[in-house]
Amino acid sequence: MGLFKKKEDVTQTKCKTCGLELHEPERLKRHMDKAHGHLPAKKMDPQDGGGGLW
């Protein structure tokens, strides 16, 4: 429950990216990996001229 924890010992449970407040640091880690861990897919630019299949 965390009623008797010292303020210095409290670990971070709020996501810096989206501000979501979670109950446990392990849940924050899983949230960061799942929601913010992936890189956006690179879009192919047709004006670039390269990167096609043929």
N, C-alpha and C. Protein backbone atom coordinates (compact mmCIF):
# COMPACT_ATOMS: atom_id res chain seq x y z
N MET A 1 0.81 -1.20 0.00
CA MET A 1 0.00 0.00 0.00
C MET A 1 0.85 1.25 0.00
N GLY A 2 2.00 1.22 0.63
CA GLY A 2 2.88 2.37 0.58
C GLY A 2 2.56 3.45 1.60
N LEU A 3 1.86 3.12 2.67
CA LEU A 3 1.51 4.14 3.65
C LEU A 3 2.71 4.58 4.49
N PHE A 4 3.67 3.70 4.68
CA PHE A 4 4.76 3.99 5.57
C PHE A 4 6.10 4.18 4.85
N LYS A 5 6.06 4.42 3.56
CA LYS A 5 7.29 4.65 2.81
C LYS A 5 7.78 6.08 3.03
N LYS A 6 9.08 6.22 3.03
CA LYS A 6 9.66 7.55 3.10
C LYS A 6 9.53 8.22 1.75
N LYS A 7 9.48 9.52 1.73
CA LYS A 7 9.33 10.26 0.48
C LYS A 7 10.52 10.03 -0.44
N GLU A 8 11.73 9.86 0.11
CA GLU A 8 12.92 9.67 -0.70
C GLU A 8 12.94 8.29 -1.36
N ASP A 9 12.28 7.31 -0.75
CA ASP A 9 12.31 5.95 -1.25
C ASP A 9 11.24 5.68 -2.31
N VAL A 10 10.34 6.59 -2.53
CA VAL A 10 9.26 6.38 -3.48
C VAL A 10 9.84 6.43 -4.89
N THR A 11 9.61 5.37 -5.65
CA THR A 11 10.11 5.32 -7.02
C THR A 11 9.09 5.95 -7.94
N GLN A 12 9.55 6.27 -9.12
CA GLN A 12 8.70 6.96 -10.08
C GLN A 12 7.63 6.04 -10.63
N THR A 13 6.40 6.52 -10.67
CA THR A 13 5.30 5.74 -11.24
C THR A 13 4.49 6.56 -12.23
N LYS A 14 5.00 7.71 -12.66
CA LYS A 14 4.29 8.54 -13.61
C LYS A 14 5.09 8.59 -14.91
N CYS A 15 4.41 8.36 -16.02
CA CYS A 15 5.05 8.34 -17.32
C CYS A 15 5.43 9.76 -17.73
N LYS A 16 6.70 9.96 -18.09
CA LYS A 16 7.15 11.29 -18.50
C LYS A 16 6.63 11.67 -19.87
N THR A 17 6.31 10.68 -20.70
CA THR A 17 5.87 10.95 -22.06
C THR A 17 4.41 11.37 -22.14
N CYS A 18 3.53 10.60 -21.49
CA CYS A 18 2.10 10.88 -21.63
C CYS A 18 1.43 11.29 -20.32
N GLY A 19 2.14 11.19 -19.18
CA GLY A 19 1.58 11.63 -17.92
C GLY A 19 0.70 10.60 -17.22
N LEU A 20 0.68 9.38 -17.72
CA LEU A 20 -0.14 8.33 -17.11
C LEU A 20 0.44 7.94 -15.76
N GLU A 21 -0.40 7.91 -14.74
CA GLU A 21 0.02 7.53 -13.39
C GLU A 21 -0.28 6.05 -13.18
N LEU A 22 0.76 5.28 -12.83
CA LEU A 22 0.62 3.85 -12.60
C LEU A 22 0.90 3.53 -11.14
N HIS A 23 0.48 2.35 -10.69
CA HIS A 23 0.59 2.01 -9.28
C HIS A 23 1.94 1.44 -8.90
N GLU A 24 2.62 0.77 -9.82
CA GLU A 24 3.88 0.12 -9.50
C GLU A 24 4.94 0.48 -10.54
N PRO A 25 6.19 0.58 -10.13
CA PRO A 25 7.26 0.89 -11.08
C PRO A 25 7.39 -0.16 -12.19
N GLU A 26 7.08 -1.42 -11.87
CA GLU A 26 7.15 -2.47 -12.89
C GLU A 26 6.11 -2.24 -13.97
N ARG A 27 4.95 -1.77 -13.57
CA ARG A 27 3.91 -1.46 -14.55
C ARG A 27 4.32 -0.28 -15.43
N LEU A 28 5.01 0.69 -14.85
CA LEU A 28 5.51 1.82 -15.64
C LEU A 28 6.50 1.33 -16.68
N LYS A 29 7.38 0.41 -16.29
CA LYS A 29 8.36 -0.13 -17.23
C LYS A 29 7.67 -0.83 -18.39
N ARG A 30 6.67 -1.67 -18.07
CA ARG A 30 5.94 -2.37 -19.13
C ARG A 30 5.19 -1.39 -20.02
N HIS A 31 4.61 -0.34 -19.42
CA HIS A 31 3.90 0.68 -20.19
C HIS A 31 4.85 1.39 -21.14
N MET A 32 6.03 1.75 -20.65
CA MET A 32 7.00 2.45 -21.49
C MET A 32 7.43 1.58 -22.68
N ASP A 33 7.66 0.29 -22.42
CA ASP A 33 8.07 -0.61 -23.49
C ASP A 33 6.95 -0.79 -24.52
N LYS A 34 5.74 -0.95 -24.05
CA LYS A 34 4.64 -1.25 -24.95
C LYS A 34 4.11 -0.01 -25.67
N ALA A 35 3.94 1.08 -24.94
CA ALA A 35 3.30 2.26 -25.53
C ALA A 35 4.29 3.21 -26.21
N HIS A 36 5.49 3.31 -25.68
CA HIS A 36 6.43 4.31 -26.19
C HIS A 36 7.74 3.69 -26.66
N GLY A 37 7.85 2.38 -26.63
CA GLY A 37 9.11 1.73 -26.94
C GLY A 37 9.39 1.58 -28.42
N HIS A 38 8.37 1.51 -29.23
CA HIS A 38 8.59 1.30 -30.65
C HIS A 38 8.90 2.61 -31.37
N LEU A 39 9.65 2.51 -32.44
CA LEU A 39 9.92 3.67 -33.27
C LEU A 39 8.84 3.74 -34.35
N PRO A 40 8.47 4.94 -34.75
CA PRO A 40 7.47 5.03 -35.82
C PRO A 40 8.01 4.42 -37.12
N ALA A 41 7.13 3.80 -37.86
CA ALA A 41 7.55 3.17 -39.11
C ALA A 41 8.00 4.23 -40.10
N LYS A 42 9.09 3.94 -40.80
CA LYS A 42 9.62 4.88 -41.77
C LYS A 42 8.74 4.84 -43.02
N LYS A 43 8.24 5.99 -43.41
CA LYS A 43 7.40 6.07 -44.58
C LYS A 43 8.29 6.22 -45.80
N MET A 44 7.94 5.51 -46.85
CA MET A 44 8.70 5.61 -48.08
C MET A 44 8.23 6.83 -48.86
N ASP A 45 9.17 7.65 -49.29
CA ASP A 45 8.86 8.86 -50.03
C ASP A 45 8.92 8.56 -51.53
N PRO A 46 7.81 8.70 -52.24
CA PRO A 46 7.84 8.41 -53.68
C PRO A 46 8.74 9.39 -54.44
N GLN A 47 8.95 10.57 -53.93
CA GLN A 47 9.81 11.57 -54.58
C GLN A 47 11.29 11.25 -54.41
N ASP A 48 11.60 10.39 -53.46
CA ASP A 48 12.99 10.05 -53.17
C ASP A 48 13.62 9.25 -54.30
N GLY A 49 12.86 8.43 -54.96
CA GLY A 49 13.36 7.65 -56.08
C GLY A 49 13.97 6.33 -55.71
N GLY A 50 14.30 6.10 -54.47
CA GLY A 50 14.92 4.86 -54.05
C GLY A 50 14.04 4.10 -53.10
N GLY A 51 14.43 2.90 -52.79
CA GLY A 51 13.74 2.11 -51.79
C GLY A 51 12.59 1.30 -52.32
N GLY A 52 12.41 1.25 -53.64
CA GLY A 52 11.34 0.44 -54.21
C GLY A 52 11.74 -1.02 -54.29
N LEU A 53 10.77 -1.87 -54.56
CA LEU A 53 11.05 -3.29 -54.68
C LEU A 53 11.66 -3.65 -56.03
N TRP A 54 11.40 -2.88 -57.09
CA TRP A 54 11.99 -3.17 -58.38
C TRP A 54 12.79 -2.01 -58.86
